[in-house]
Amino acid sequence: MNPLVSVFDTEEDFHLSAAKRFLDQGNGAIRQRGRFMVVLPGGNTPAPFFDLLTQLPHRNDIDWSRVHIVPSDERFVPANDATSNTRMLRERLIGALNCEIGGFHVPLTEVGNPGESAAQWEAQLRSTFGGAAISSGFPLFDMAILGVGGDGHTASLFPGERALEERRSWTAPVAPRGDPAVSRVTLTLPLLNHARSVLFLVAGAGKAEVVRKILSTTPEAAGYPAGMVKGPEVEWLITGFTP
């Protein structure tokens, strides 16, 4: 099934639409299953979207005590590092809500090594989901919101990365890659593919070429990690260019 693509003339409409999809999916999950399990990305693109969710009226449009947030990936840096996704989510979203959320499930990156961090993170997620929510060995996130890099990576799943070959684990360590080039831990492709809904957020013409390739039907598209993310419902929100 081809993904749905929505293009917005302004960044304001882009972020408002992302917030609406988050709230719609979240409230639906809470009504049906009692909680909202969501993957959120790091980077600069989602920051204004997070700001919207912390402001009225959106802040009161969901029961945050039933929202469980999981970052898509994390750099193996201290939690207070400027490049930490955990820090960004705490500062731009969770800390700005002024209320308790259901849970914030992050990897530990200040002890051990990336392999140990990934294993601990997976154990934490397995405990949080419990057996009843697991299908085919993988949890069913209600929603996974993801970004895409200029090389077509998503989360910390880079082209040619060994973690792309993972078929059983929920998390994986990643050798130094990206900017900055540090070790990382990431959610795996099969776990992301078990999300009920996947939403890609892409802003800026700088990613136009790679997104056009990913959304094409050519064999080249299959080589980009973001293009390997499948599921029952995949949508791309785009601003700054037409794919």
Protein backbone atom coordinates (compact mmCIF):
# COMPACT_ATOMS: atom_id res chain seq x y z
CA MET A 1 0.00 0.00 0.00
CA ASN A 2 1.38 3.41 -0.99
CA PRO A 3 1.74 5.95 1.82
CA LEU A 4 -0.50 8.97 2.03
CA VAL A 5 1.32 12.23 1.29
CA SER A 6 0.08 15.60 2.56
CA VAL A 7 1.85 18.80 1.50
CA PHE A 8 1.41 22.10 3.36
CA ASP A 9 2.08 25.63 2.10
CA THR A 10 3.12 26.92 5.51
CA GLU A 11 5.03 25.50 8.43
CA GLU A 12 2.21 26.65 10.71
CA ASP A 13 -0.30 24.43 8.91
CA PHE A 14 2.26 21.62 8.85
CA HIS A 15 2.73 21.66 12.63
CA LEU A 16 -0.98 22.15 13.33
CA SER A 17 -1.76 19.10 11.21
CA ALA A 18 0.85 17.05 13.06
CA ALA A 19 -0.69 18.11 16.38
CA LYS A 20 -4.18 17.18 15.18
CA ARG A 21 -3.06 13.72 14.09
CA PHE A 22 -1.29 13.17 17.42
CA LEU A 23 -4.40 14.17 19.38
CA ASP A 24 -6.80 12.17 17.19
CA GLN A 25 -4.68 9.01 17.40
CA GLY A 26 -4.02 9.53 21.08
CA ASN A 27 -7.61 10.04 22.12
CA GLY A 28 -8.71 7.11 20.00
CA ALA A 29 -6.12 4.84 21.63
CA ILE A 30 -7.11 6.00 25.12
CA ARG A 31 -10.79 5.33 24.43
CA GLN A 32 -10.10 1.87 23.01
CA ARG A 33 -7.16 0.63 25.05
CA GLY A 34 -6.81 2.97 28.02
CA ARG A 35 -3.46 4.46 27.06
CA PHE A 36 -1.56 6.01 24.16
CA MET A 37 1.83 4.46 23.34
CA VAL A 38 3.70 6.81 21.00
CA VAL A 39 7.18 7.01 19.48
CA LEU A 40 8.50 10.57 19.08
CA PRO A 41 11.52 11.79 17.11
CA GLY A 42 14.39 14.06 18.03
CA GLY A 43 15.93 16.76 15.87
CA ASN A 44 14.77 20.27 15.05
CA THR A 45 11.74 19.57 12.86
CA PRO A 46 9.29 18.41 15.56
CA ALA A 47 10.16 21.10 18.14
CA PRO A 48 7.41 23.58 17.05
CA PHE A 49 4.93 20.69 16.97
CA PHE A 50 5.87 19.85 20.57
CA ASP A 51 5.44 23.50 21.51
CA LEU A 52 1.91 23.44 20.11
CA LEU A 53 0.99 20.43 22.21
CA THR A 54 2.08 22.22 25.38
CA GLN A 55 -0.01 25.31 24.67
CA LEU A 56 -3.71 25.89 25.16
CA PRO A 57 -6.09 24.67 23.84
CA HIS A 58 -4.15 21.57 22.70
CA ARG A 59 -2.63 20.91 26.13
CA ASN A 60 -6.08 20.14 27.51
CA ASP A 61 -7.20 18.09 24.50
CA ILE A 62 -5.77 14.79 25.75
CA ASP A 63 -5.35 13.01 29.08
CA TRP A 64 -1.57 13.19 29.44
CA SER A 65 -1.63 10.84 32.41
CA ARG A 66 -2.39 8.08 29.89
CA VAL A 67 0.28 9.05 27.35
CA HIS A 68 3.48 6.97 27.24
CA ILE A 69 6.34 8.50 25.23
CA VAL A 70 9.27 6.57 23.75
CA PRO A 71 12.03 8.32 21.75
CA SER A 72 12.74 6.76 18.38
CA ASP A 73 16.46 6.71 19.16
CA GLU A 74 19.13 8.31 21.29
CA ARG A 75 22.72 9.35 20.96
CA PHE A 76 25.02 7.72 23.49
CA VAL A 77 25.68 10.99 25.30
CA PRO A 78 24.81 12.26 28.80
CA ALA A 79 21.13 13.04 29.29
CA ASN A 80 21.90 16.75 29.69
CA ASP A 81 23.96 16.94 26.48
CA ALA A 82 22.75 19.51 23.94
CA THR A 83 22.38 16.76 21.31
CA SER A 84 20.33 14.43 23.53
CA ASN A 85 16.83 13.58 22.27
CA THR A 86 15.86 12.84 25.88
CA ARG A 87 16.82 16.36 26.89
CA MET A 88 14.93 17.92 23.98
CA LEU A 89 11.77 15.95 24.75
CA ARG A 90 12.00 16.84 28.44
CA GLU A 91 12.50 20.53 27.76
CA ARG A 92 10.23 21.14 24.77
CA LEU A 93 7.38 18.78 25.62
CA ILE A 94 7.23 16.95 28.94
CA GLY A 95 8.61 19.69 31.17
CA ALA A 96 6.46 22.35 29.50
CA LEU A 97 3.18 20.47 30.09
CA ASN A 98 3.13 21.13 33.84
CA CYS A 99 1.42 17.80 34.45
CA GLU A 100 2.31 14.15 34.92
CA ILE A 101 2.40 11.90 31.88
CA GLY A 102 1.83 8.16 31.84
CA GLY A 103 5.48 7.34 31.25
CA PHE A 104 8.69 8.42 29.56
CA HIS A 105 10.62 5.34 28.52
CA VAL A 106 14.19 6.26 27.56
CA PRO A 107 17.48 4.38 27.27
CA LEU A 108 20.22 4.94 29.82
CA THR A 109 23.25 6.45 28.10
CA GLU A 110 25.54 7.37 30.98
CA VAL A 111 26.56 3.88 32.12
CA GLY A 112 27.84 0.81 30.33
CA ASN A 113 28.01 0.75 26.55
CA PRO A 114 25.49 1.05 23.70
CA GLY A 115 24.85 -2.70 23.61
CA GLU A 116 24.05 -2.81 27.32
CA SER A 117 21.93 0.34 26.97
CA ALA A 118 19.90 -1.19 24.14
CA ALA A 119 19.30 -4.40 26.12
CA GLN A 120 18.20 -2.45 29.21
CA TRP A 121 15.89 -0.29 27.09
CA GLU A 122 14.27 -3.34 25.52
CA ALA A 123 13.70 -4.90 28.94
CA GLN A 124 12.07 -1.67 30.09
CA LEU A 125 9.78 -1.59 27.05
CA ARG A 126 8.81 -5.25 27.42
CA SER A 127 7.85 -4.60 31.03
CA THR A 128 5.82 -1.54 30.05
CA PHE A 129 3.89 -3.22 27.26
CA GLY A 130 3.28 -6.57 28.92
CA GLY A 131 2.35 -9.75 27.11
CA ALA A 132 -1.21 -8.77 26.21
CA ALA A 133 -0.08 -5.98 23.88
CA ILE A 134 2.50 -7.97 21.95
CA SER A 135 1.79 -9.28 18.46
CA SER A 136 4.21 -11.62 16.71
CA GLY A 137 6.84 -10.87 19.33
CA PHE A 138 6.65 -7.09 18.91
CA PRO A 139 4.60 -4.45 20.74
CA LEU A 140 1.97 -2.52 18.86
CA PHE A 141 2.71 1.16 19.27
CA ASP A 142 -0.41 3.21 18.65
CA MET A 143 1.64 5.72 16.69
CA ALA A 144 5.24 6.25 15.56
CA ILE A 145 6.17 9.78 14.55
CA LEU A 146 9.48 9.84 12.70
CA GLY A 147 11.85 12.16 10.90
CA VAL A 148 14.05 11.49 7.91
CA GLY A 149 17.67 12.51 7.28
CA GLY A 150 19.24 13.72 4.08
CA ASP A 151 20.66 10.23 3.53
CA GLY A 152 17.26 8.61 4.01
CA HIS A 153 17.83 7.41 7.57
CA THR A 154 15.09 7.39 10.17
CA ALA A 155 15.51 7.00 13.92
CA SER A 156 19.19 5.89 14.00
CA LEU A 157 18.69 3.39 11.20
CA PHE A 158 21.23 4.53 8.61
CA PRO A 159 21.77 3.11 5.11
CA GLY A 160 23.92 0.01 5.37
CA GLU A 161 23.63 -0.07 9.16
CA ARG A 162 23.81 -3.52 10.72
CA ALA A 163 20.76 -2.74 12.86
CA LEU A 164 18.65 -2.85 9.68
CA GLU A 165 19.21 -6.61 9.62
CA GLU A 166 17.70 -7.07 13.08
CA ARG A 167 14.57 -9.22 12.99
CA ARG A 168 13.93 -10.17 16.64
CA SER A 169 15.14 -7.44 19.00
CA TRP A 170 13.13 -4.32 19.73
CA THR A 171 16.23 -2.13 20.13
CA ALA A 172 19.77 -2.15 18.78
CA PRO A 173 23.11 -0.39 19.30
CA VAL A 174 24.50 1.66 16.43
CA ALA A 175 28.16 2.39 15.71
CA PRO A 176 29.16 6.07 15.49
CA ARG A 177 27.18 7.65 12.67
CA GLY A 178 25.41 10.87 11.82
CA ASP A 179 25.94 14.36 13.20
CA PRO A 180 27.53 14.28 15.68
CA ALA A 181 29.22 10.99 14.84
CA VAL A 182 28.64 9.22 18.14
CA SER A 183 27.37 5.79 19.10
CA ARG A 184 23.61 5.47 19.38
CA VAL A 185 20.76 3.19 20.38
CA THR A 186 17.65 2.88 18.25
CA LEU A 187 14.29 1.21 17.94
CA THR A 188 14.45 -1.45 15.25
CA LEU A 189 12.71 -1.66 11.91
CA PRO A 190 10.36 -4.58 12.76
CA LEU A 191 9.24 -2.77 15.92
CA LEU A 192 8.45 0.41 13.95
CA ASN A 193 6.64 -1.70 11.37
CA HIS A 194 4.31 -2.94 14.12
CA ALA A 195 2.97 0.54 14.84
CA ARG A 196 -0.71 1.03 14.11
CA SER A 197 0.06 4.39 12.51
CA VAL A 198 3.31 5.90 11.21
CA LEU A 199 3.71 9.62 10.56
CA PHE A 200 6.80 11.11 8.89
CA LEU A 201 7.48 14.82 9.43
CA VAL A 202 9.65 16.49 6.77
CA ALA A 203 10.29 20.24 6.56
CA GLY A 204 12.58 22.05 4.16
CA ALA A 205 13.64 21.72 0.55
CA GLY A 206 16.99 20.27 1.60
CA LYS A 207 15.37 16.84 1.92
CA ALA A 208 13.34 17.06 -1.27
CA GLU A 209 15.59 14.84 -3.38
CA VAL A 210 15.81 11.95 -0.93
CA VAL A 211 12.09 12.08 -0.11
CA ARG A 212 11.19 11.97 -3.79
CA LYS A 213 13.37 8.89 -4.17
CA ILE A 214 11.85 7.22 -1.10
CA LEU A 215 8.31 7.87 -2.32
CA SER A 216 9.05 6.66 -5.84
CA THR A 217 8.25 3.17 -7.04
CA THR A 218 11.77 2.52 -8.32
CA PRO A 219 13.99 -0.23 -6.86
CA GLU A 220 16.27 2.52 -5.49
CA ALA A 221 13.56 3.48 -2.98
CA ALA A 222 13.95 0.16 -1.15
CA GLY A 223 17.50 1.05 -0.16
CA TYR A 224 16.51 3.91 2.13
CA PRO A 225 15.68 3.00 5.75
CA ALA A 226 12.76 5.45 5.87
CA GLY A 227 11.31 3.67 2.85
CA MET A 228 11.55 0.35 4.70
CA VAL A 229 9.07 1.52 7.35
CA LYS A 230 5.76 -0.08 6.47
CA GLY A 231 2.52 -0.61 8.31
CA PRO A 232 -1.24 -0.49 8.02
CA GLU A 233 -1.21 3.33 7.92
CA VAL A 234 1.77 5.43 6.81
CA GLU A 235 1.51 9.16 6.10
CA TRP A 236 4.08 11.78 5.16
CA LEU A 237 3.54 15.40 6.18
CA ILE A 238 5.72 17.69 4.05
CA THR A 239 6.34 21.42 3.91
CA GLY A 240 8.87 23.43 1.94
CA PHE A 241 8.68 21.44 -1.30
CA THR A 242 6.40 19.27 -3.42
CA PRO A 243 7.54 15.64 -3.70
